[in-house]
Amino acid sequence: MYIQTTTLTISVSLSASVSLGMLYMPKVYIILFHPEQNVPKRKRSLKAVVTAATMSNKFTQKGGFRPNGEAKSELCENLETQ
C-alpha cells in the first residue's frame, strides 16, 4: 500500500514540475540568452484606438435596429410573420 501512495505522490509532483517548467522555460530562455528581445511592446496610440473603435461601430450597426440587441435569423423572422 505504501508503494502505491509513494508512486502516486512522486507522479503528481513530477507532473506539476514538468507543467511549471514548460510554462516558464521560454520566458527564462529569453531572459538569459536573448535579453535584446526582452523589451516591452510599443503601446497603441490614441489615434489607433479611436480608429479601431470607429471601425467596430460600423460593423455593429445592424444590431442597433433590433430591440435589446437581439439577433434573429431570417428563418425565425419568416416563421414569426406566417
Protein backbone atom coordinates (compact mmCIF):
# COMPACT_ATOMS: atom_id res chain seq x y z
CA MET A 1 0.00 0.00 0.00
CA TYR A 2 2.83 2.41 0.80
CA ILE A 3 4.46 1.81 -2.56
CA GLN A 4 1.28 2.86 -4.42
CA THR A 5 0.94 6.02 -2.33
CA THR A 6 4.59 6.90 -2.83
CA THR A 7 4.38 6.28 -6.57
CA LEU A 8 1.27 8.41 -6.87
CA THR A 9 2.83 11.24 -4.87
CA ILE A 10 6.01 11.22 -6.95
CA SER A 11 4.00 11.10 -10.20
CA VAL A 12 1.86 14.08 -9.23
CA SER A 13 4.90 16.08 -8.11
CA LEU A 14 6.77 15.26 -11.31
CA SER A 15 3.76 16.18 -13.44
CA ALA A 16 3.39 19.54 -11.69
CA SER A 17 7.12 20.24 -12.05
CA VAL A 18 7.06 19.45 -15.76
CA SER A 19 4.00 21.67 -16.25
CA LEU A 20 5.63 24.60 -14.48
CA GLY A 21 8.86 24.02 -16.38
CA MET A 22 7.06 24.04 -19.74
CA LEU A 23 5.23 27.20 -18.73
CA TYR A 24 8.25 29.23 -17.59
CA MET A 25 11.18 27.86 -19.61
CA PRO A 26 10.50 30.03 -22.70
CA LYS A 27 10.49 33.13 -20.51
CA VAL A 28 13.70 32.12 -18.74
CA TYR A 29 15.32 31.30 -22.10
CA ILE A 30 14.54 34.77 -23.45
CA ILE A 31 15.78 36.48 -20.30
CA LEU A 32 19.06 34.55 -20.15
CA PHE A 33 20.01 34.02 -23.80
CA HIS A 34 18.20 36.78 -25.74
CA PRO A 35 17.93 39.85 -23.48
CA GLU A 36 17.55 42.14 -26.52
CA GLN A 37 14.10 40.63 -27.12
CA ASN A 38 13.05 41.31 -23.53
CA VAL A 39 11.62 44.77 -24.20
CA PRO A 40 8.04 45.96 -23.76
CA LYS A 41 5.92 46.17 -26.88
CA ARG A 42 5.02 49.58 -28.23
CA LYS A 43 1.70 50.78 -26.91
CA ARG A 44 -1.12 51.70 -29.26
CA SER A 45 -1.56 55.37 -29.98
CA LEU A 46 -4.78 57.18 -29.21
CA LYS A 47 -5.42 57.59 -32.93
CA ALA A 48 -5.23 53.80 -33.46
CA VAL A 49 -7.64 53.19 -30.58
CA VAL A 50 -10.15 55.75 -31.93
CA THR A 51 -9.87 54.28 -35.44
CA ALA A 52 -10.46 50.75 -34.13
CA ALA A 53 -13.49 51.90 -32.13
CA THR A 54 -14.91 53.70 -35.16
CA MET A 55 -14.46 50.65 -37.37
CA SER A 56 -16.12 48.36 -34.81
CA ASN A 57 -19.12 50.72 -34.61
CA LYS A 58 -19.57 50.48 -38.38
CA PHE A 59 -19.75 46.70 -38.16
CA THR A 60 -22.17 46.58 -35.23
CA GLN A 61 -24.81 48.99 -36.52
CA LYS A 62 -27.06 46.12 -37.66
CA GLY A 63 -27.55 45.11 -34.02
CA GLY A 64 -28.92 48.59 -33.26
CA PHE A 65 -32.00 48.02 -35.41
CA ARG A 66 -33.25 45.20 -33.21
CA PRO A 67 -34.68 45.79 -29.72
CA ASN A 68 -32.27 44.91 -26.90
CA GLY A 69 -29.65 43.87 -29.45
CA GLU A 70 -31.45 40.61 -30.18
CA ALA A 71 -30.09 38.66 -33.10
CA LYS A 72 -32.63 36.68 -35.09
CA SER A 73 -32.05 34.64 -38.18
CA GLU A 74 -34.07 35.11 -41.34
CA LEU A 75 -35.66 31.70 -40.80
CA CYS A 76 -37.01 32.74 -37.40
CA GLU A 77 -38.34 36.02 -38.81
CA ASN A 78 -40.12 34.17 -41.62
CA LEU A 79 -41.75 31.80 -39.14
CA GLU A 80 -42.95 34.66 -36.96
CA THR A 81 -44.59 36.51 -39.85
CA GLN A 82 -46.57 33.46 -41.02
